[in-house]
Amino acid sequence: MKLYAIRHTSVAVKPGICYGQSDVDVAESFHEERKAVKLELSGLQFDKIFSSPLQRCRKLAEHLFPNQPILFDNRLKELNFGDWELKSWDEIYHSPEGKNWMDDYQNLSTLNGESYPQMLGRIAEWLNELKVTEMDKSVVVIHAGVIRILKHLIEGQPMDDLFALFKPPYGSVTIFDLKEINGK
């Protein structure tokens, strides 16, 4: 089975702001960006369509797949940054808790938020449910952090490498082969 993972389009948030699970809107460039995604997916039919319920993903999913059932799943949300939501990364980094988290972000929870192991657990649960279905092609509209975790779970990519080297652009499509989970 092929899984087409689409990162949401640009957001209406100033650069350098942490927005994780905040329900921020799409940028003014949305219609141009969504047309490019639609063109990339032209001619493809999907058995199931999934999306994060946050509006930046929901709007893209609804524009790409009008009049089709979309399965919105809370497990597909970005990392919950807790008290750091909508604060600048500079402000976060310069706080003792922020510096501590950034030194060990793969293990520690954000301030009153979520840890990457918790996020990985919810995405793995969703992926395991998806793997047991008899589908040929599915699509999911999600966030960069979720795509990175899917690369880790499906392709076995080390998380360190993914955060340092893999930065899926807004409106990009990453294709996964679920027959190849962890190289099997």
N, C-alpha and C. Protein backbone atom coordinates (compact mmCIF):
# COMPACT_ATOMS: atom_id res chain seq x y z
N MET A 1 0.81 -1.18 0.00
CA MET A 1 0.00 0.00 0.00
C MET A 1 0.87 1.25 0.00
N LYS A 2 0.45 2.23 -0.75
CA LYS A 2 1.15 3.52 -0.80
C LYS A 2 0.38 4.51 0.08
N LEU A 3 1.14 5.30 0.82
CA LEU A 3 0.58 6.36 1.64
C LEU A 3 1.18 7.67 1.17
N TYR A 4 0.32 8.57 0.70
CA TYR A 4 0.74 9.89 0.25
C TYR A 4 0.54 10.86 1.42
N ALA A 5 1.64 11.38 1.95
CA ALA A 5 1.59 12.29 3.09
C ALA A 5 1.82 13.71 2.57
N ILE A 6 0.84 14.57 2.76
CA ILE A 6 0.90 15.94 2.28
C ILE A 6 1.07 16.86 3.47
N ARG A 7 2.10 17.70 3.42
CA ARG A 7 2.23 18.71 4.47
C ARG A 7 1.30 19.88 4.12
N HIS A 8 0.65 20.42 5.13
CA HIS A 8 -0.23 21.57 4.93
C HIS A 8 0.54 22.70 4.24
N THR A 9 -0.20 23.65 3.71
CA THR A 9 0.40 24.80 3.04
C THR A 9 0.88 25.82 4.08
N SER A 10 1.47 26.90 3.61
CA SER A 10 2.00 27.95 4.49
C SER A 10 0.93 28.46 5.43
N VAL A 11 1.38 28.91 6.59
CA VAL A 11 0.45 29.37 7.63
C VAL A 11 0.53 30.89 7.83
N ALA A 12 -0.53 31.43 8.41
CA ALA A 12 -0.62 32.86 8.69
C ALA A 12 -0.01 33.14 10.06
N VAL A 13 1.26 32.83 10.19
CA VAL A 13 2.00 33.01 11.44
C VAL A 13 3.36 33.62 11.07
N LYS A 14 3.81 34.57 11.88
CA LYS A 14 5.11 35.17 11.63
C LYS A 14 6.20 34.09 11.73
N PRO A 15 7.25 34.19 10.90
CA PRO A 15 8.37 33.25 11.02
C PRO A 15 8.96 33.30 12.44
N GLY A 16 9.40 32.14 12.91
CA GLY A 16 10.05 32.08 14.22
C GLY A 16 9.09 31.87 15.37
N ILE A 17 7.81 31.62 15.06
CA ILE A 17 6.81 31.40 16.11
C ILE A 17 6.49 29.90 16.18
N CYS A 18 6.43 29.37 17.39
CA CYS A 18 6.07 27.98 17.65
C CYS A 18 4.55 27.87 17.63
N TYR A 19 3.99 27.05 16.73
CA TYR A 19 2.53 26.98 16.67
C TYR A 19 1.98 25.57 16.81
N GLY A 20 2.79 24.53 16.90
CA GLY A 20 2.37 23.16 17.19
C GLY A 20 0.91 22.84 16.98
N GLN A 21 0.16 22.69 18.08
CA GLN A 21 -1.26 22.34 17.99
C GLN A 21 -2.18 23.55 18.02
N SER A 22 -1.63 24.75 17.98
CA SER A 22 -2.49 25.93 17.88
C SER A 22 -3.20 25.87 16.53
N ASP A 23 -4.47 26.23 16.53
CA ASP A 23 -5.27 26.09 15.31
C ASP A 23 -5.14 27.34 14.44
N VAL A 24 -3.94 27.53 13.91
CA VAL A 24 -3.65 28.71 13.09
C VAL A 24 -4.21 28.53 11.68
N ASP A 25 -4.49 29.65 11.03
CA ASP A 25 -5.07 29.64 9.70
C ASP A 25 -3.97 29.54 8.64
N VAL A 26 -4.40 29.32 7.41
CA VAL A 26 -3.48 29.26 6.28
C VAL A 26 -3.12 30.67 5.83
N ALA A 27 -2.01 30.78 5.13
CA ALA A 27 -1.54 32.07 4.61
C ALA A 27 -2.34 32.48 3.38
N GLU A 28 -2.14 33.73 2.97
CA GLU A 28 -2.83 34.25 1.78
C GLU A 28 -2.44 33.48 0.52
N SER A 29 -1.31 32.83 0.53
CA SER A 29 -0.85 32.06 -0.63
C SER A 29 -1.54 30.71 -0.76
N PHE A 30 -2.52 30.43 0.09
CA PHE A 30 -3.17 29.12 0.14
C PHE A 30 -3.66 28.64 -1.22
N HIS A 31 -4.41 29.49 -1.94
CA HIS A 31 -5.01 29.03 -3.20
C HIS A 31 -3.96 28.67 -4.24
N GLU A 32 -2.88 29.42 -4.31
CA GLU A 32 -1.80 29.07 -5.24
C GLU A 32 -1.13 27.76 -4.82
N GLU A 33 -0.86 27.62 -3.54
CA GLU A 33 -0.19 26.42 -3.04
C GLU A 33 -1.05 25.17 -3.21
N ARG A 34 -2.34 25.28 -2.92
CA ARG A 34 -3.22 24.11 -3.03
C ARG A 34 -3.37 23.66 -4.48
N LYS A 35 -3.34 24.63 -5.43
CA LYS A 35 -3.40 24.27 -6.85
C LYS A 35 -2.18 23.44 -7.24
N ALA A 36 -1.01 23.80 -6.72
CA ALA A 36 0.22 23.04 -7.02
C ALA A 36 0.13 21.62 -6.46
N VAL A 37 -0.42 21.48 -5.26
CA VAL A 37 -0.58 20.14 -4.67
C VAL A 37 -1.58 19.33 -5.49
N LYS A 38 -2.69 19.95 -5.85
CA LYS A 38 -3.72 19.26 -6.64
C LYS A 38 -3.14 18.78 -7.97
N LEU A 39 -2.32 19.61 -8.60
CA LEU A 39 -1.69 19.23 -9.86
C LEU A 39 -0.77 18.02 -9.65
N GLU A 40 -0.02 18.01 -8.56
CA GLU A 40 0.88 16.88 -8.28
C GLU A 40 0.11 15.58 -8.07
N LEU A 41 -1.12 15.68 -7.56
CA LEU A 41 -1.92 14.49 -7.28
C LEU A 41 -2.88 14.14 -8.42
N SER A 42 -2.86 14.92 -9.51
CA SER A 42 -3.84 14.71 -10.58
C SER A 42 -3.74 13.29 -11.13
N GLY A 43 -4.90 12.71 -11.37
CA GLY A 43 -4.98 11.36 -11.91
C GLY A 43 -4.93 10.26 -10.87
N LEU A 44 -4.68 10.62 -9.62
CA LEU A 44 -4.62 9.60 -8.56
C LEU A 44 -5.97 9.47 -7.87
N GLN A 45 -6.34 8.25 -7.57
CA GLN A 45 -7.55 7.96 -6.79
C GLN A 45 -7.11 7.32 -5.48
N PHE A 46 -7.74 7.72 -4.39
CA PHE A 46 -7.36 7.22 -3.07
C PHE A 46 -8.50 6.44 -2.43
N ASP A 47 -8.13 5.35 -1.78
CA ASP A 47 -9.12 4.52 -1.08
C ASP A 47 -9.66 5.25 0.15
N LYS A 48 -8.78 5.91 0.87
CA LYS A 48 -9.18 6.65 2.08
C LYS A 48 -8.41 7.95 2.14
N ILE A 49 -9.06 8.95 2.73
CA ILE A 49 -8.45 10.27 2.91
C ILE A 49 -8.48 10.58 4.40
N PHE A 50 -7.31 10.88 4.95
CA PHE A 50 -7.18 11.20 6.36
C PHE A 50 -6.62 12.61 6.49
N SER A 51 -6.87 13.22 7.65
CA SER A 51 -6.33 14.55 7.88
C SER A 51 -6.27 14.84 9.37
N SER A 52 -5.30 15.66 9.74
CA SER A 52 -5.32 16.29 11.05
C SER A 52 -6.55 17.21 11.06
N PRO A 53 -7.21 17.35 12.21
CA PRO A 53 -8.37 18.23 12.26
C PRO A 53 -8.04 19.72 12.35
N LEU A 54 -6.77 20.07 12.54
CA LEU A 54 -6.40 21.48 12.63
C LEU A 54 -6.66 22.16 11.29
N GLN A 55 -7.16 23.39 11.32
CA GLN A 55 -7.67 24.03 10.11
C GLN A 55 -6.66 24.15 8.98
N ARG A 56 -5.37 24.24 9.29
CA ARG A 56 -4.39 24.35 8.22
C ARG A 56 -4.33 23.07 7.39
N CYS A 57 -4.65 21.94 8.00
CA CYS A 57 -4.72 20.66 7.28
C CYS A 57 -6.13 20.43 6.74
N ARG A 58 -7.12 20.69 7.57
CA ARG A 58 -8.53 20.47 7.20
C ARG A 58 -8.88 21.25 5.93
N LYS A 59 -8.48 22.52 5.87
CA LYS A 59 -8.82 23.34 4.69
C LYS A 59 -8.19 22.75 3.43
N LEU A 60 -6.94 22.32 3.52
CA LEU A 60 -6.29 21.75 2.34
C LEU A 60 -6.98 20.45 1.94
N ALA A 61 -7.27 19.58 2.90
CA ALA A 61 -7.94 18.32 2.59
C ALA A 61 -9.29 18.56 1.93
N GLU A 62 -10.06 19.50 2.46
CA GLU A 62 -11.39 19.78 1.91
C GLU A 62 -11.32 20.39 0.52
N HIS A 63 -10.29 21.17 0.23
CA HIS A 63 -10.13 21.74 -1.11
C HIS A 63 -9.63 20.70 -2.11
N LEU A 64 -8.74 19.83 -1.65
CA LEU A 64 -8.20 18.81 -2.55
C LEU A 64 -9.21 17.71 -2.86
N PHE A 65 -10.06 17.39 -1.88
CA PHE A 65 -10.97 16.25 -2.01
C PHE A 65 -12.41 16.66 -1.69
N PRO A 66 -12.96 17.61 -2.47
CA PRO A 66 -14.33 18.06 -2.19
C PRO A 66 -15.32 16.91 -2.42
N ASN A 67 -16.36 16.90 -1.62
CA ASN A 67 -17.43 15.89 -1.74
C ASN A 67 -16.95 14.47 -1.53
N GLN A 68 -15.80 14.30 -0.87
CA GLN A 68 -15.31 12.96 -0.53
C GLN A 68 -15.20 12.87 1.00
N PRO A 69 -15.44 11.70 1.54
CA PRO A 69 -15.33 11.58 3.00
C PRO A 69 -13.87 11.70 3.46
N ILE A 70 -13.67 12.56 4.44
CA ILE A 70 -12.33 12.77 5.01
C ILE A 70 -12.39 12.33 6.46
N LEU A 71 -11.46 11.48 6.86
CA LEU A 71 -11.40 10.99 8.23
C LEU A 71 -10.44 11.88 9.02
N PHE A 72 -10.99 12.74 9.88
CA PHE A 72 -10.18 13.62 10.71
C PHE A 72 -9.81 12.87 11.98
N ASP A 73 -8.52 12.90 12.33
CA ASP A 73 -8.05 12.11 13.46
C ASP A 73 -7.12 12.97 14.33
N ASN A 74 -7.49 13.12 15.60
CA ASN A 74 -6.68 13.92 16.53
C ASN A 74 -5.27 13.39 16.70
N ARG A 75 -5.06 12.10 16.45
CA ARG A 75 -3.72 11.52 16.59
C ARG A 75 -2.75 12.07 15.55
N LEU A 76 -3.27 12.71 14.52
CA LEU A 76 -2.44 13.23 13.43
C LEU A 76 -2.02 14.69 13.65
N LYS A 77 -2.33 15.24 14.80
CA LYS A 77 -1.93 16.62 15.09
C LYS A 77 -0.42 16.71 15.30
N GLU A 78 0.09 17.91 15.16
CA GLU A 78 1.50 18.22 15.43
C GLU A 78 1.75 18.07 16.93
N LEU A 79 3.00 18.15 17.33
CA LEU A 79 3.38 18.09 18.74
C LEU A 79 2.66 19.19 19.52
N ASN A 80 2.19 18.85 20.71
CA ASN A 80 1.58 19.83 21.60
C ASN A 80 2.70 20.49 22.39
N PHE A 81 2.94 21.77 22.10
CA PHE A 81 4.02 22.49 22.76
C PHE A 81 3.58 23.16 24.07
N GLY A 82 2.36 22.88 24.53
CA GLY A 82 1.91 23.37 25.83
C GLY A 82 2.02 24.87 25.98
N ASP A 83 2.71 25.31 27.05
CA ASP A 83 2.85 26.74 27.35
C ASP A 83 3.64 27.50 26.30
N TRP A 84 4.32 26.80 25.42
CA TRP A 84 5.14 27.47 24.41
C TRP A 84 4.37 27.78 23.13
N GLU A 85 3.14 27.31 23.01
CA GLU A 85 2.35 27.58 21.81
C GLU A 85 2.25 29.09 21.57
N LEU A 86 2.52 29.49 20.34
CA LEU A 86 2.44 30.87 19.85
C LEU A 86 3.47 31.81 20.48
N LYS A 87 4.51 31.25 21.07
CA LYS A 87 5.63 32.07 21.55
C LYS A 87 6.77 31.95 20.54
N SER A 88 7.69 32.90 20.59
CA SER A 88 8.81 32.85 19.65
C SER A 88 9.80 31.76 20.10
N TRP A 89 10.43 31.14 19.11
CA TRP A 89 11.44 30.13 19.42
C TRP A 89 12.58 30.74 20.22
N ASP A 90 12.92 32.00 19.93
CA ASP A 90 13.98 32.67 20.69
C ASP A 90 13.61 32.78 22.16
N GLU A 91 12.37 33.18 22.43
CA GLU A 91 11.90 33.28 23.82
C GLU A 91 11.93 31.92 24.51
N ILE A 92 11.50 30.90 23.78
CA ILE A 92 11.50 29.54 24.34
C ILE A 92 12.93 29.11 24.65
N TYR A 93 13.82 29.30 23.69
CA TYR A 93 15.20 28.86 23.85
C TYR A 93 15.89 29.56 25.02
N HIS A 94 15.56 30.81 25.25
CA HIS A 94 16.24 31.56 26.30
C HIS A 94 15.67 31.32 27.69
N SER A 95 14.61 30.52 27.78
CA SER A 95 14.10 30.14 29.11
C SER A 95 14.84 28.89 29.57
N PRO A 96 15.02 28.69 30.87
CA PRO A 96 15.71 27.49 31.35
C PRO A 96 15.02 26.20 30.89
N GLU A 97 13.68 26.18 30.92
CA GLU A 97 12.95 24.97 30.49
C GLU A 97 13.12 24.73 29.00
N GLY A 98 13.10 25.80 28.23
CA GLY A 98 13.26 25.67 26.79
C GLY A 98 14.64 25.18 26.40
N LYS A 99 15.65 25.73 27.02
CA LYS A 99 17.02 25.28 26.73
C LYS A 99 17.18 23.82 27.10
N ASN A 100 16.66 23.43 28.26
CA ASN A 100 16.73 22.04 28.71
C ASN A 100 16.04 21.11 27.71
N TRP A 101 14.84 21.52 27.25
CA TRP A 101 14.10 20.70 26.30
C TRP A 101 14.86 20.60 24.98
N MET A 102 15.38 21.70 24.48
CA MET A 102 16.08 21.67 23.19
C MET A 102 17.35 20.83 23.25
N ASP A 103 17.95 20.71 24.43
CA ASP A 103 19.12 19.85 24.58
C ASP A 103 18.76 18.36 24.56
N ASP A 104 17.50 18.03 24.84
CA ASP A 104 17.07 16.62 24.87
C ASP A 104 15.62 16.50 24.38
N TYR A 105 15.31 17.16 23.25
CA TYR A 105 13.94 17.23 22.74
C TYR A 105 13.35 15.87 22.38
N GLN A 106 14.19 14.89 22.12
CA GLN A 106 13.66 13.58 21.73
C GLN A 106 13.11 12.80 22.93
N ASN A 107 13.39 13.25 24.14
CA ASN A 107 12.94 12.51 25.31
C ASN A 107 12.07 13.33 26.26
N LEU A 108 12.33 14.62 26.38
CA LEU A 108 11.63 15.44 27.37
C LEU A 108 10.32 15.99 26.82
N SER A 109 9.38 16.25 27.72
CA SER A 109 8.13 16.90 27.35
C SER A 109 8.35 18.41 27.23
N THR A 110 7.58 19.03 26.39
CA THR A 110 7.56 20.48 26.34
C THR A 110 6.89 20.98 27.62
N LEU A 111 7.00 22.25 27.93
CA LEU A 111 6.46 22.80 29.17
C LEU A 111 4.93 22.69 29.17
N ASN A 112 4.41 21.79 30.00
CA ASN A 112 2.97 21.50 30.10
C ASN A 112 2.39 21.02 28.77
N GLY A 113 3.23 20.36 27.99
CA GLY A 113 2.79 19.83 26.70
C GLY A 113 3.13 18.36 26.56
N GLU A 114 3.62 18.01 25.41
CA GLU A 114 3.80 16.62 25.02
C GLU A 114 5.27 16.35 24.72
N SER A 115 5.66 15.09 24.81
CA SER A 115 7.02 14.68 24.42
C SER A 115 6.95 13.99 23.06
N TYR A 116 8.09 13.90 22.39
CA TYR A 116 8.12 13.18 21.12
C TYR A 116 7.78 11.70 21.29
N PRO A 117 8.22 11.01 22.37
CA PRO A 117 7.77 9.63 22.54
C PRO A 117 6.24 9.51 22.64
N GLN A 118 5.58 10.48 23.27
CA GLN A 118 4.11 10.44 23.32
C GLN A 118 3.52 10.64 21.92
N MET A 119 4.05 11.58 21.19
CA MET A 119 3.58 11.83 19.83
C MET A 119 3.82 10.61 18.95
N LEU A 120 5.00 10.03 19.06
CA LEU A 120 5.33 8.84 18.30
C LEU A 120 4.34 7.73 18.60
N GLY A 121 3.96 7.57 19.87
CA GLY A 121 3.01 6.53 20.26
C GLY A 121 1.66 6.69 19.60
N ARG A 122 1.14 7.92 19.55
CA ARG A 122 -0.18 8.12 18.95
C ARG A 122 -0.14 7.94 17.43
N ILE A 123 0.96 8.34 16.81
CA ILE A 123 1.07 8.18 15.36
C ILE A 123 1.29 6.71 15.01
N ALA A 124 2.07 6.00 15.81
CA ALA A 124 2.28 4.56 15.59
C ALA A 124 0.95 3.80 15.71
N GLU A 125 0.13 4.20 16.67
CA GLU A 125 -1.19 3.57 16.84
C GLU A 125 -2.03 3.78 15.58
N TRP A 126 -2.05 5.01 15.05
CA TRP A 126 -2.80 5.30 13.82
C TRP A 126 -2.25 4.48 12.66
N LEU A 127 -0.93 4.45 12.52
CA LEU A 127 -0.29 3.73 11.42
C LEU A 127 -0.58 2.23 11.51
N ASN A 128 -0.53 1.67 12.70
CA ASN A 128 -0.82 0.24 12.86
C ASN A 128 -2.25 -0.09 12.44
N GLU A 129 -3.19 0.79 12.73
CA GLU A 129 -4.58 0.58 12.28
C GLU A 129 -4.66 0.66 10.76
N LEU A 130 -3.92 1.57 10.17
CA LEU A 130 -3.92 1.73 8.72
C LEU A 130 -3.32 0.50 8.03
N LYS A 131 -2.26 -0.06 8.61
CA LYS A 131 -1.56 -1.20 7.99
C LYS A 131 -2.43 -2.44 7.87
N VAL A 132 -3.40 -2.60 8.74
CA VAL A 132 -4.21 -3.82 8.71
C VAL A 132 -5.36 -3.75 7.71
N THR A 133 -5.50 -2.64 7.00
CA THR A 133 -6.57 -2.50 6.03
C THR A 133 -6.12 -3.02 4.66
N GLU A 134 -7.09 -3.24 3.80
CA GLU A 134 -6.84 -3.76 2.45
C GLU A 134 -6.91 -2.63 1.42
N MET A 135 -6.12 -1.60 1.61
CA MET A 135 -6.17 -0.46 0.69
C MET A 135 -4.95 -0.46 -0.23
N ASP A 136 -5.13 0.17 -1.38
CA ASP A 136 -4.04 0.29 -2.34
C ASP A 136 -3.31 1.62 -2.16
N LYS A 137 -4.09 2.72 -2.09
CA LYS A 137 -3.51 4.06 -1.95
C LYS A 137 -4.37 4.87 -0.99
N SER A 138 -3.69 5.49 -0.04
CA SER A 138 -4.36 6.41 0.88
C SER A 138 -3.58 7.71 0.91
N VAL A 139 -4.25 8.75 1.38
CA VAL A 139 -3.61 10.05 1.48
C VAL A 139 -3.91 10.62 2.86
N VAL A 140 -2.94 11.36 3.39
CA VAL A 140 -3.10 12.00 4.69
C VAL A 140 -2.54 13.41 4.61
N VAL A 141 -3.31 14.38 5.11
CA VAL A 141 -2.88 15.78 5.14
C VAL A 141 -2.47 16.09 6.57
N ILE A 142 -1.17 16.38 6.76
CA ILE A 142 -0.62 16.45 8.11
C ILE A 142 0.45 17.54 8.24
N HIS A 143 1.21 17.43 9.29
CA HIS A 143 2.22 18.42 9.69
C HIS A 143 3.63 17.85 9.49
N ALA A 144 4.62 18.73 9.44
CA ALA A 144 6.02 18.30 9.21
C ALA A 144 6.49 17.31 10.28
N GLY A 145 6.17 17.57 11.55
CA GLY A 145 6.60 16.66 12.61
C GLY A 145 6.01 15.27 12.45
N VAL A 146 4.76 15.20 12.00
CA VAL A 146 4.11 13.91 11.80
C VAL A 146 4.76 13.18 10.62
N ILE A 147 5.09 13.91 9.56
CA ILE A 147 5.76 13.28 8.41
C ILE A 147 7.12 12.73 8.84
N ARG A 148 7.85 13.48 9.65
CA ARG A 148 9.14 12.99 10.14
C ARG A 148 8.97 11.70 10.93
N ILE A 149 7.98 11.66 11.79
CA ILE A 149 7.76 10.45 12.59
C ILE A 149 7.35 9.28 11.69
N LEU A 150 6.55 9.55 10.65
CA LEU A 150 6.21 8.48 9.71
C LEU A 150 7.47 7.96 9.01
N LYS A 151 8.38 8.86 8.63
CA LYS A 151 9.65 8.41 8.01
C LYS A 151 10.43 7.52 8.98
N HIS A 152 10.38 7.86 10.25
CA HIS A 152 11.06 7.05 11.27
C HIS A 152 10.39 5.68 11.39
N LEU A 153 9.07 5.67 11.50
CA LEU A 153 8.34 4.42 11.71
C LEU A 153 8.34 3.52 10.46
N ILE A 154 8.20 4.11 9.30
CA ILE A 154 8.08 3.32 8.07
C ILE A 154 9.43 2.97 7.48
N GLU A 155 10.34 3.93 7.43
CA GLU A 155 11.63 3.72 6.76
C GLU A 155 12.77 3.47 7.73
N GLY A 156 12.51 3.59 9.02
CA GLY A 156 13.56 3.35 10.01
C GLY A 156 14.59 4.46 10.10
N GLN A 157 14.28 5.65 9.60
CA GLN A 157 15.22 6.77 9.65
C GLN A 157 15.42 7.20 11.10
N PRO A 158 16.66 7.42 11.54
CA PRO A 158 16.90 7.91 12.90
C PRO A 158 16.30 9.31 13.09
N MET A 159 15.67 9.53 14.23
CA MET A 159 15.03 10.82 14.49
C MET A 159 16.02 11.98 14.40
N ASP A 160 17.25 11.79 14.90
CA ASP A 160 18.26 12.86 14.81
C ASP A 160 18.44 13.32 13.37
N ASP A 161 18.56 12.36 12.46
CA ASP A 161 18.75 12.68 11.05
C ASP A 161 17.55 13.43 10.49
N LEU A 162 16.35 12.99 10.88
CA LEU A 162 15.15 13.59 10.32
C LEU A 162 15.00 15.06 10.70
N PHE A 163 15.31 15.39 11.95
CA PHE A 163 15.17 16.78 12.35
C PHE A 163 16.30 17.64 11.79
N ALA A 164 17.45 17.06 11.59
CA ALA A 164 18.58 17.83 11.06
C ALA A 164 18.54 17.93 9.53
N LEU A 165 18.11 16.86 8.86
CA LEU A 165 18.27 16.78 7.42
C LEU A 165 16.99 16.77 6.59
N PHE A 166 15.86 16.46 7.21
CA PHE A 166 14.61 16.31 6.45
C PHE A 166 13.62 17.40 6.85
N LYS A 167 13.42 18.34 5.96
CA LYS A 167 12.52 19.46 6.22
C LYS A 167 11.48 19.53 5.10
N PRO A 168 10.36 18.80 5.26
CA PRO A 168 9.37 18.81 4.17
C PRO A 168 8.77 20.21 3.99
N PRO A 169 8.84 20.75 2.79
CA PRO A 169 8.30 22.09 2.54
C PRO A 169 6.78 22.11 2.66
N TYR A 170 6.23 23.30 2.88
CA TYR A 170 4.79 23.46 2.88
C TYR A 170 4.23 22.96 1.55
N GLY A 171 3.13 22.24 1.61
CA GLY A 171 2.48 21.76 0.39
C GLY A 171 3.22 20.65 -0.33
N SER A 172 4.18 20.02 0.33
CA SER A 172 4.93 18.94 -0.33
C SER A 172 4.25 17.59 -0.12
N VAL A 173 4.56 16.65 -1.01
CA VAL A 173 4.00 15.29 -0.94
C VAL A 173 5.16 14.32 -0.73
N THR A 174 5.05 13.52 0.31
CA THR A 174 6.02 12.46 0.60
C THR A 174 5.29 11.14 0.45
N ILE A 175 5.85 10.22 -0.35
CA ILE A 175 5.18 8.95 -0.61
C ILE A 175 5.89 7.84 0.16
N PHE A 176 5.08 7.07 0.90
CA PHE A 176 5.58 5.93 1.67
C PHE A 176 5.01 4.64 1.11
N ASP A 177 5.83 3.59 1.14
CA ASP A 177 5.38 2.26 0.77
C ASP A 177 5.25 1.46 2.06
N LEU A 178 4.01 1.17 2.46
CA LEU A 178 3.80 0.48 3.73
C LEU A 178 4.20 -0.98 3.70
N LYS A 179 4.51 -1.51 2.54
CA LYS A 179 5.05 -2.87 2.47
C LYS A 179 6.50 -2.89 2.93
N GLU A 180 7.11 -1.72 2.98
CA GLU A 180 8.53 -1.61 3.32
C GLU A 180 8.76 -1.12 4.74
N ILE A 181 7.79 -1.28 5.63
CA ILE A 181 7.94 -0.75 6.99
C ILE A 181 9.20 -1.30 7.64
N ASN A 182 10.04 -0.35 8.07
CA ASN A 182 11.32 -0.65 8.70
C ASN A 182 12.17 -1.62 7.88
N GLY A 183 12.08 -1.49 6.56
CA GLY A 183 12.93 -2.29 5.69
C GLY A 183 12.49 -3.73 5.53
N LYS A 184 11.31 -4.08 6.02
CA LYS A 184 10.84 -5.49 5.94
C LYS A 184 10.06 -5.72 4.68
